[in-house]
Amino acid sequence: MDINKKHLIITGATGGLGGSLIKSLSDYDCTITAIGRNNDILKKLEKEFDVTPLCLDLTSAKGREKFSDYVKNKPADILINCAAILNIEEFHKCSLNNIDDTININLTALITTSRFCLEHMLKKDTRCKIVNVGSIGGDLALPYFTTYTATKFAVKGFCESLQRELLGTNVDVILIAPRAMKTPMMDEEAVGLLKAMFSGMDDVDKISRKIIRTIEKDRSYMRSGILERFGAFANGIFPQIVNIAFYIITPIMKKHVKKMNR
């Protein structure tokens, strides 16, 4: 798919991946609507990259209504859902507010924006794409990432279901499943937690470029991390063996989690 001359809507534009995508897309002749909740960052993006800023809370009824009205007047050719939050803690200590926020931002907002954009995409005569950023955590369940992992498994299921529903139409659905990225969301203890799992981190600009290539090459999936992909594969075939590995790793992870939530 040629991205030039297309209208892209990017949610989570004020986060690490969303901002990186906007920077990478500045080389293209496309129009971008940047959606986020931090108006100051949106203004900076507007000034630096000439995007259309839209300050919305997509977890609220009012924000969803504004989004629906916007795409009705300015339909997207490509929707990229980047908005997400990461919640790492012992599940029995997780507040209900944190659970609600994680589900609403990581899953509900993604589903509703996909729904609103799809309605208008199907009326177009050209190809359109819905790109949803999940996680390798949607293939491999990790301890202490419980609610986050649940949302990412749900994102994977949503994308696969919608992909099959839209076969033969002009709309493609792409699932992006990266491993951890170097963003402000990952503090020192979170990095230590990843090391305990023998998991690496990717440069966020590298992932944004991979997402763009995935769109251009009309692929349905993009995953990153050789070890992480192997773990996800093994988990699908030999989950009990993966459980043995986590029996060893989980106590080490717990020490980092306790430091993170002191």
C-alpha atoms as a PDB file:
ATOM      1  CA  MET A   1       0.000   0.000   0.000  1.00  0.00           C
ATOM      2  CA  ASP A   2       1.263   3.442  -0.888  1.00  0.00           C
ATOM      3  CA  ILE A   3       1.015   5.665   2.196  1.00  0.00           C
ATOM      4  CA  ASN A   4       1.433   8.859   0.202  1.00  0.00           C
ATOM      5  CA  LYS A   5      -1.735  10.950  -0.185  1.00  0.00           C
ATOM      6  CA  LYS A   6      -3.421   8.955   2.581  1.00  0.00           C
ATOM      7  CA  HIS A   7      -5.118  10.222   5.735  1.00  0.00           C
ATOM      8  CA  LEU A   8      -3.761   8.493   8.836  1.00  0.00           C
ATOM      9  CA  ILE A   9      -5.304   8.655  12.290  1.00  0.00           C
ATOM     10  CA  ILE A  10      -2.892   7.752  15.094  1.00  0.00           C
ATOM     11  CA  THR A  11      -4.179   7.229  18.639  1.00  0.00           C
ATOM     12  CA  GLY A  12      -1.747   7.378  21.535  1.00  0.00           C
ATOM     13  CA  ALA A  13       0.122  10.016  19.547  1.00  0.00           C
ATOM     14  CA  THR A  14       1.552  11.616  22.688  1.00  0.00           C
ATOM     15  CA  GLY A  15       3.236   8.369  23.758  1.00  0.00           C
ATOM     16  CA  GLY A  16       6.616   7.003  22.732  1.00  0.00           C
ATOM     17  CA  LEU A  17       5.527   4.827  19.816  1.00  0.00           C
ATOM     18  CA  GLY A  18       2.879   7.246  18.528  1.00  0.00           C
ATOM     19  CA  GLY A  19       5.336  10.137  18.483  1.00  0.00           C
ATOM     20  CA  SER A  20       7.972   8.003  16.795  1.00  0.00           C
ATOM     21  CA  LEU A  21       5.513   6.953  14.087  1.00  0.00           C
ATOM     22  CA  ILE A  22       4.643  10.579  13.376  1.00  0.00           C
ATOM     23  CA  LYS A  23       8.352  11.403  13.061  1.00  0.00           C
ATOM     24  CA  SER A  24       8.946   8.453  10.704  1.00  0.00           C
ATOM     25  CA  LEU A  25       5.908   9.367   8.592  1.00  0.00           C
ATOM     26  CA  SER A  26       7.188  12.928   8.104  1.00  0.00           C
ATOM     27  CA  ASP A  27       9.097  11.614   5.077  1.00  0.00           C
ATOM     28  CA  TYR A  28       5.791  10.771   3.381  1.00  0.00           C
ATOM     29  CA  ASP A  29       3.284  13.000   1.631  1.00  0.00           C
ATOM     30  CA  CYS A  30       0.386  12.059   3.889  1.00  0.00           C
ATOM     31  CA  THR A  31      -1.941  13.849   6.301  1.00  0.00           C
ATOM     32  CA  ILE A  32      -1.956  12.803   9.947  1.00  0.00           C
ATOM     33  CA  THR A  33      -4.509  13.301  12.688  1.00  0.00           C
ATOM     34  CA  ALA A  34      -2.740  12.870  16.033  1.00  0.00           C
ATOM     35  CA  ILE A  35      -4.968  11.851  18.946  1.00  0.00           C
ATOM     36  CA  GLY A  36      -3.908  11.935  22.581  1.00  0.00           C
ATOM     37  CA  ARG A  37      -4.730  13.281  26.015  1.00  0.00           C
ATOM     38  CA  ASN A  38      -1.709  15.562  26.511  1.00  0.00           C
ATOM     39  CA  ASN A  39      -2.552  18.805  24.751  1.00  0.00           C
ATOM     40  CA  ASP A  40       0.934  20.294  25.265  1.00  0.00           C
ATOM     41  CA  ILE A  41       2.613  17.401  23.448  1.00  0.00           C
ATOM     42  CA  LEU A  42      -0.014  17.526  20.701  1.00  0.00           C
ATOM     43  CA  LYS A  43       0.762  21.196  20.121  1.00  0.00           C
ATOM     44  CA  LYS A  44       4.476  20.391  19.818  1.00  0.00           C
ATOM     45  CA  LEU A  45       3.704  17.662  17.287  1.00  0.00           C
ATOM     46  CA  GLU A  46       1.531  20.075  15.333  1.00  0.00           C
ATOM     47  CA  LYS A  47       4.299  22.665  15.226  1.00  0.00           C
ATOM     48  CA  GLU A  48       7.086  20.232  14.345  1.00  0.00           C
ATOM     49  CA  PHE A  49       5.339  17.821  11.968  1.00  0.00           C
ATOM     50  CA  ASP A  50       2.264  19.725  10.748  1.00  0.00           C
ATOM     51  CA  VAL A  51      -0.221  17.167  12.077  1.00  0.00           C
ATOM     52  CA  THR A  52      -3.835  17.860  12.989  1.00  0.00           C
ATOM     53  CA  PRO A  53      -4.024  17.562  16.790  1.00  0.00           C
ATOM     54  CA  LEU A  54      -7.134  16.144  18.443  1.00  0.00           C
ATOM     55  CA  CYS A  55      -7.119  16.127  22.240  1.00  0.00           C
ATOM     56  CA  LEU A  56      -9.530  13.381  23.284  1.00  0.00           C
ATOM     57  CA  ASP A  57     -10.054  10.890  26.062  1.00  0.00           C
ATOM     58  CA  LEU A  58     -11.161   7.832  24.114  1.00  0.00           C
ATOM     59  CA  THR A  59     -12.173   6.034  27.315  1.00  0.00           C
ATOM     60  CA  SER A  60     -15.010   8.512  27.907  1.00  0.00           C
ATOM     61  CA  ALA A  61     -18.398   8.592  26.191  1.00  0.00           C
ATOM     62  CA  LYS A  62     -17.829  12.234  25.263  1.00  0.00           C
ATOM     63  CA  GLY A  63     -14.431  11.457  23.730  1.00  0.00           C
ATOM     64  CA  ARG A  64     -15.818   8.541  21.710  1.00  0.00           C
ATOM     65  CA  GLU A  65     -18.656  10.725  20.440  1.00  0.00           C
ATOM     66  CA  LYS A  66     -16.188  13.417  19.319  1.00  0.00           C
ATOM     67  CA  PHE A  67     -14.057  10.777  17.596  1.00  0.00           C
ATOM     68  CA  SER A  68     -17.111   9.374  15.800  1.00  0.00           C
ATOM     69  CA  ASP A  69     -18.102  12.828  14.560  1.00  0.00           C
ATOM     70  CA  TYR A  70     -14.543  13.531  13.423  1.00  0.00           C
ATOM     71  CA  VAL A  71     -14.117  10.374  11.307  1.00  0.00           C
ATOM     72  CA  LYS A  72     -17.555  10.913   9.803  1.00  0.00           C
ATOM     73  CA  ASN A  73     -16.311  14.211   8.349  1.00  0.00           C
ATOM     74  CA  LYS A  74     -12.700  13.110   7.791  1.00  0.00           C
ATOM     75  CA  PRO A  75     -12.615   9.341   7.206  1.00  0.00           C
ATOM     76  CA  ALA A  76      -9.299   7.605   7.708  1.00  0.00           C
ATOM     77  CA  ASP A  77      -7.486   5.563   5.086  1.00  0.00           C
ATOM     78  CA  ILE A  78      -5.271   4.107   7.805  1.00  0.00           C
ATOM     79  CA  LEU A  79      -6.029   3.895  11.523  1.00  0.00           C
ATOM     80  CA  ILE A  80      -3.098   3.106  13.826  1.00  0.00           C
ATOM     81  CA  ASN A  81      -4.066   2.379  17.425  1.00  0.00           C
ATOM     82  CA  CYS A  82      -1.026   2.920  19.665  1.00  0.00           C
ATOM     83  CA  ALA A  83      -2.675   4.009  22.914  1.00  0.00           C
ATOM     84  CA  ALA A  84      -1.754   1.700  25.806  1.00  0.00           C
ATOM     85  CA  ILE A  85      -0.730   1.659  29.438  1.00  0.00           C
ATOM     86  CA  LEU A  86       1.370  -0.910  31.269  1.00  0.00           C
ATOM     87  CA  ASN A  87       0.387  -2.189  34.700  1.00  0.00           C
ATOM     88  CA  ILE A  88       2.948  -4.382  36.499  1.00  0.00           C
ATOM     89  CA  GLU A  89       2.132  -5.573  40.013  1.00  0.00           C
ATOM     90  CA  GLU A  90       0.922  -8.498  42.065  1.00  0.00           C
ATOM     91  CA  PHE A  91      -2.625  -9.007  40.891  1.00  0.00           C
ATOM     92  CA  HIS A  92      -4.179  -9.303  44.350  1.00  0.00           C
ATOM     93  CA  LYS A  93      -2.827  -5.808  45.111  1.00  0.00           C
ATOM     94  CA  CYS A  94      -4.028  -4.240  41.868  1.00  0.00           C
ATOM     95  CA  SER A  95      -6.684  -1.562  42.385  1.00  0.00           C
ATOM     96  CA  LEU A  96      -9.989  -1.752  40.542  1.00  0.00           C
ATOM     97  CA  ASN A  97      -9.250   1.677  39.048  1.00  0.00           C
ATOM     98  CA  ASN A  98      -6.009   0.354  37.534  1.00  0.00           C
ATOM     99  CA  ILE A  99      -7.836  -2.666  36.141  1.00  0.00           C
ATOM    100  CA  ASP A 100     -10.542  -0.468  34.609  1.00  0.00           C
ATOM    101  CA  ASP A 101      -8.015   1.979  33.143  1.00  0.00           C
ATOM    102  CA  THR A 102      -5.913  -0.787  31.595  1.00  0.00           C
ATOM    103  CA  ILE A 103      -8.927  -2.461  29.975  1.00  0.00           C
ATOM    104  CA  ASN A 104     -10.487   0.794  28.792  1.00  0.00           C
ATOM    105  CA  ILE A 105      -7.299   2.218  27.248  1.00  0.00           C
ATOM    106  CA  ASN A 106      -5.694  -0.964  25.904  1.00  0.00           C
ATOM    107  CA  LEU A 107      -8.829  -2.685  24.641  1.00  0.00           C
ATOM    108  CA  THR A 108     -12.120  -0.781  24.715  1.00  0.00           C
ATOM    109  CA  ALA A 109     -10.736   2.363  23.066  1.00  0.00           C
ATOM    110  CA  LEU A 110      -9.031   0.251  20.397  1.00  0.00           C
ATOM    111  CA  ILE A 111     -12.233  -1.628  19.593  1.00  0.00           C
ATOM    112  CA  THR A 112     -14.409   1.482  19.449  1.00  0.00           C
ATOM    113  CA  THR A 113     -12.035   3.480  17.237  1.00  0.00           C
ATOM    114  CA  SER A 114     -11.778   0.479  14.902  1.00  0.00           C
ATOM    115  CA  ARG A 115     -15.564   0.290  14.770  1.00  0.00           C
ATOM    116  CA  PHE A 116     -16.066   3.988  13.975  1.00  0.00           C
ATOM    117  CA  CYS A 117     -13.359   4.067  11.290  1.00  0.00           C
ATOM    118  CA  LEU A 118     -14.431   0.789   9.687  1.00  0.00           C
ATOM    119  CA  GLU A 119     -17.942   2.068   9.026  1.00  0.00           C
ATOM    120  CA  HIS A 120     -16.574   4.754   6.706  1.00  0.00           C
ATOM    121  CA  MET A 121     -13.656   2.746   5.323  1.00  0.00           C
ATOM    122  CA  LEU A 122     -16.049   0.187   3.838  1.00  0.00           C
ATOM    123  CA  LYS A 123     -17.681   2.937   1.782  1.00  0.00           C
ATOM    124  CA  LYS A 124     -14.395   3.814   0.052  1.00  0.00           C
ATOM    125  CA  ASP A 125     -13.292   2.515  -3.344  1.00  0.00           C
ATOM    126  CA  THR A 126      -9.656   2.304  -2.207  1.00  0.00           C
ATOM    127  CA  ARG A 127      -7.838  -0.019   0.189  1.00  0.00           C
ATOM    128  CA  CYS A 128      -7.834   0.921   3.862  1.00  0.00           C
ATOM    129  CA  LYS A 129      -6.074  -0.503   6.877  1.00  0.00           C
ATOM    130  CA  ILE A 130      -6.755  -0.821  10.591  1.00  0.00           C
ATOM    131  CA  VAL A 131      -3.453  -1.283  12.437  1.00  0.00           C
ATOM    132  CA  ASN A 132      -3.713  -2.334  16.076  1.00  0.00           C
ATOM    133  CA  VAL A 133      -0.661  -2.435  18.313  1.00  0.00           C
ATOM    134  CA  GLY A 134      -0.824  -5.409  20.636  1.00  0.00           C
ATOM    135  CA  SER A 135       2.157  -7.099  22.251  1.00  0.00           C
ATOM    136  CA  ILE A 136       4.136 -10.312  22.280  1.00  0.00           C
ATOM    137  CA  GLY A 137       2.360 -10.528  25.655  1.00  0.00           C
ATOM    138  CA  GLY A 138      -0.732 -11.425  23.637  1.00  0.00           C
ATOM    139  CA  ASP A 139       0.947 -14.736  22.766  1.00  0.00           C
ATOM    140  CA  LEU A 140       2.872 -15.409  25.965  1.00  0.00           C
ATOM    141  CA  ALA A 141       1.236 -14.705  29.326  1.00  0.00           C
ATOM    142  CA  LEU A 142       3.627 -13.158  31.833  1.00  0.00           C
ATOM    143  CA  PRO A 143       3.322 -13.126  35.623  1.00  0.00           C
ATOM    144  CA  TYR A 144       2.695  -9.701  37.191  1.00  0.00           C
ATOM    145  CA  PHE A 145       1.473  -8.354  33.818  1.00  0.00           C
ATOM    146  CA  THR A 146      -1.901  -9.993  34.426  1.00  0.00           C
ATOM    147  CA  THR A 147      -4.407  -7.324  33.374  1.00  0.00           C
ATOM    148  CA  TYR A 148      -2.104  -5.975  30.662  1.00  0.00           C
ATOM    149  CA  THR A 149      -1.641  -9.491  29.274  1.00  0.00           C
ATOM    150  CA  ALA A 150      -5.387 -10.096  29.332  1.00  0.00           C
ATOM    151  CA  THR A 151      -5.962  -6.994  27.195  1.00  0.00           C
ATOM    152  CA  LYS A 152      -3.254  -7.983  24.721  1.00  0.00           C
ATOM    153  CA  PHE A 153      -4.653 -11.503  24.320  1.00  0.00           C
ATOM    154  CA  ALA A 154      -8.010  -9.841  23.669  1.00  0.00           C
ATOM    155  CA  VAL A 155      -6.488  -7.476  21.083  1.00  0.00           C
ATOM    156  CA  LYS A 156      -5.031 -10.480  19.252  1.00  0.00           C
ATOM    157  CA  GLY A 157      -8.409 -12.249  19.238  1.00  0.00           C
ATOM    158  CA  PHE A 158     -10.191  -9.092  18.107  1.00  0.00           C
ATOM    159  CA  CYS A 159      -7.769  -8.571  15.209  1.00  0.00           C
ATOM    160  CA  GLU A 160      -7.890 -12.168  14.026  1.00  0.00           C
ATOM    161  CA  SER A 161     -11.686 -12.228  14.159  1.00  0.00           C
ATOM    162  CA  LEU A 162     -12.000  -8.930  12.289  1.00  0.00           C
ATOM    163  CA  GLN A 163      -9.360  -9.991   9.731  1.00  0.00           C
ATOM    164  CA  ARG A 164     -11.490 -13.002   8.813  1.00  0.00           C
ATOM    165  CA  GLU A 165     -14.729 -11.038   8.838  1.00  0.00           C
ATOM    166  CA  LEU A 166     -13.296  -8.536   6.350  1.00  0.00           C
ATOM    167  CA  LEU A 167     -11.818 -11.031   3.867  1.00  0.00           C
ATOM    168  CA  GLY A 168     -12.846  -9.997   0.378  1.00  0.00           C
ATOM    169  CA  THR A 169     -13.442  -6.365   1.349  1.00  0.00           C
ATOM    170  CA  ASN A 170     -11.291  -3.284   0.823  1.00  0.00           C
ATOM    171  CA  VAL A 171     -10.196  -3.177   4.485  1.00  0.00           C
ATOM    172  CA  ASP A 172      -7.204  -5.047   5.925  1.00  0.00           C
ATOM    173  CA  VAL A 173      -6.501  -5.538   9.625  1.00  0.00           C
ATOM    174  CA  ILE A 174      -2.913  -5.657  10.850  1.00  0.00           C
ATOM    175  CA  LEU A 175      -1.772  -6.902  14.265  1.00  0.00           C
ATOM    176  CA  ILE A 176       1.502  -5.464  15.561  1.00  0.00           C
ATOM    177  CA  ALA A 177       2.987  -7.541  18.378  1.00  0.00           C
ATOM    178  CA  PRO A 178       6.316  -6.072  19.499  1.00  0.00           C
ATOM    179  CA  ARG A 179       8.330  -6.969  22.536  1.00  0.00           C
ATOM    180  CA  ALA A 180       9.172  -4.226  25.045  1.00  0.00           C
ATOM    181  CA  MET A 181      10.307  -0.899  23.620  1.00  0.00           C
ATOM    182  CA  LYS A 182      12.526   1.839  25.005  1.00  0.00           C
ATOM    183  CA  THR A 183       9.840   4.350  25.940  1.00  0.00           C
ATOM    184  CA  PRO A 184       9.151   6.486  29.050  1.00  0.00           C
ATOM    185  CA  MET A 185       6.849   3.668  30.196  1.00  0.00           C
ATOM    186  CA  MET A 186       9.905   1.483  30.924  1.00  0.00           C
ATOM    187  CA  ASP A 187      11.719   2.614  34.064  1.00  0.00           C
ATOM    188  CA  GLU A 188      14.840   1.079  35.642  1.00  0.00           C
ATOM    189  CA  GLU A 189      12.975  -1.619  37.555  1.00  0.00           C
ATOM    190  CA  ALA A 190      10.894  -2.541  34.514  1.00  0.00           C
ATOM    191  CA  VAL A 191      14.129  -3.015  32.571  1.00  0.00           C
ATOM    192  CA  GLY A 192      15.441  -5.215  35.383  1.00  0.00           C
ATOM    193  CA  LEU A 193      12.261  -7.237  35.222  1.00  0.00           C
ATOM    194  CA  LEU A 194      12.780  -7.835  31.502  1.00  0.00           C
ATOM    195  CA  LYS A 195      16.366  -8.930  32.097  1.00  0.00           C
ATOM    196  CA  ALA A 196      15.115 -11.461  34.649  1.00  0.00           C
ATOM    197  CA  MET A 197      12.995 -12.940  31.848  1.00  0.00           C
ATOM    198  CA  PHE A 198      15.974 -12.862  29.441  1.00  0.00           C
ATOM    199  CA  SER A 199      13.932 -10.505  27.294  1.00  0.00           C
ATOM    200  CA  GLY A 200      15.381  -7.636  25.295  1.00  0.00           C
ATOM    201  CA  MET A 201      14.074  -4.227  24.308  1.00  0.00           C
ATOM    202  CA  ASP A 202      13.748  -2.620  20.904  1.00  0.00           C
ATOM    203  CA  ASP A 203      14.416   0.957  19.915  1.00  0.00           C
ATOM    204  CA  VAL A 204      11.031   2.576  19.420  1.00  0.00           C
ATOM    205  CA  ASP A 205      12.072   4.193  16.127  1.00  0.00           C
ATOM    206  CA  LYS A 206      13.051   0.773  14.806  1.00  0.00           C
ATOM    207  CA  ILE A 207       9.586  -0.569  15.599  1.00  0.00           C
ATOM    208  CA  SER A 208       7.840   2.425  14.037  1.00  0.00           C
ATOM    209  CA  ARG A 209       9.782   1.850  10.803  1.00  0.00           C
ATOM    210  CA  LYS A 210       8.820  -1.839  10.895  1.00  0.00           C
ATOM    211  CA  ILE A 211       5.158  -0.896  11.299  1.00  0.00           C
ATOM    212  CA  ILE A 212       5.334   1.358   8.249  1.00  0.00           C
ATOM    213  CA  ARG A 213       7.004  -1.401   6.205  1.00  0.00           C
ATOM    214  CA  THR A 214       4.309  -3.846   7.320  1.00  0.00           C
ATOM    215  CA  ILE A 215       1.642  -1.460   6.032  1.00  0.00           C
ATOM    216  CA  GLU A 216       3.471  -0.858   2.764  1.00  0.00           C
ATOM    217  CA  LYS A 217       4.019  -4.574   2.114  1.00  0.00           C
ATOM    218  CA  ASP A 218       0.366  -5.461   2.887  1.00  0.00           C
ATOM    219  CA  ARG A 219       1.257  -7.898   5.649  1.00  0.00           C
ATOM    220  CA  SER A 220      -1.183  -8.983   8.349  1.00  0.00           C
ATOM    221  CA  TYR A 221       1.234  -9.405  11.277  1.00  0.00           C
ATOM    222  CA  MET A 222       4.439  -7.957  12.657  1.00  0.00           C
ATOM    223  CA  ARG A 223       6.206  -9.487  15.655  1.00  0.00           C
ATOM    224  CA  SER A 224       9.612  -8.654  17.117  1.00  0.00           C
ATOM    225  CA  GLY A 225      12.185 -10.430  19.266  1.00  0.00           C
ATOM    226  CA  ILE A 226      13.578 -13.860  18.308  1.00  0.00           C
ATOM    227  CA  LEU A 227      13.632 -15.243  21.859  1.00  0.00           C
ATOM    228  CA  GLU A 228      10.200 -13.788  22.621  1.00  0.00           C
ATOM    229  CA  ARG A 229       8.710 -15.272  19.453  1.00  0.00           C
ATOM    230  CA  PHE A 230      10.227 -18.646  20.317  1.00  0.00           C
ATOM    231  CA  GLY A 231       8.731 -18.414  23.807  1.00  0.00           C
ATOM    232  CA  ALA A 232       5.314 -17.629  22.338  1.00  0.00           C
ATOM    233  CA  PHE A 233       5.641 -20.569  19.929  1.00  0.00           C
ATOM    234  CA  ALA A 234       6.688 -22.939  22.719  1.00  0.00           C
ATOM    235  CA  ASN A 235       3.873 -21.689  24.923  1.00  0.00           C
ATOM    236  CA  GLY A 236       1.346 -22.622  22.239  1.00  0.00           C
ATOM    237  CA  ILE A 237       2.662 -26.192  21.963  1.00  0.00           C
ATOM    238  CA  PHE A 238       4.297 -27.040  25.310  1.00  0.00           C
ATOM    239  CA  PRO A 239       2.775 -24.704  27.946  1.00  0.00           C
ATOM    240  CA  GLN A 240       3.827 -26.995  30.799  1.00  0.00           C
ATOM    241  CA  ILE A 241       7.492 -26.686  29.828  1.00  0.00           C
ATOM    242  CA  VAL A 242       7.116 -22.889  29.754  1.00  0.00           C
ATOM    243  CA  ASN A 243       5.547 -23.120  33.219  1.00  0.00           C
ATOM    244  CA  ILE A 244       8.685 -24.879  34.489  1.00  0.00           C
ATOM    245  CA  ALA A 245      10.795 -21.996  33.188  1.00  0.00           C
ATOM    246  CA  PHE A 246       8.578 -19.463  34.937  1.00  0.00           C
ATOM    247  CA  TYR A 247       8.726 -21.507  38.149  1.00  0.00           C
ATOM    248  CA  ILE A 248      12.421 -20.553  38.199  1.00  0.00           C
ATOM    249  CA  ILE A 249      12.084 -16.996  36.842  1.00  0.00           C
ATOM    250  CA  THR A 250       9.007 -15.769  38.752  1.00  0.00           C
ATOM    251  CA  PRO A 251      10.670 -15.378  42.210  1.00  0.00           C
ATOM    252  CA  ILE A 252      13.346 -13.169  40.615  1.00  0.00           C
ATOM    253  CA  MET A 253      10.676 -11.153  38.834  1.00  0.00           C
ATOM    254  CA  LYS A 254       8.792 -10.715  42.111  1.00  0.00           C
ATOM    255  CA  LYS A 255      11.729  -8.873  43.690  1.00  0.00           C
ATOM    256  CA  HIS A 256      11.694  -6.292  40.892  1.00  0.00           C
ATOM    257  CA  VAL A 257       7.903  -5.954  41.061  1.00  0.00           C
ATOM    258  CA  LYS A 258       8.043  -5.248  44.812  1.00  0.00           C
ATOM    259  CA  LYS A 259      10.642  -2.501  44.219  1.00  0.00           C
ATOM    260  CA  MET A 260       8.485  -0.982  41.487  1.00  0.00           C
ATOM    261  CA  ASN A 261       5.443  -0.758  43.743  1.00  0.00           C
ATOM    262  CA  ARG A 262       7.019   0.365  47.029  1.00  0.00           C
END
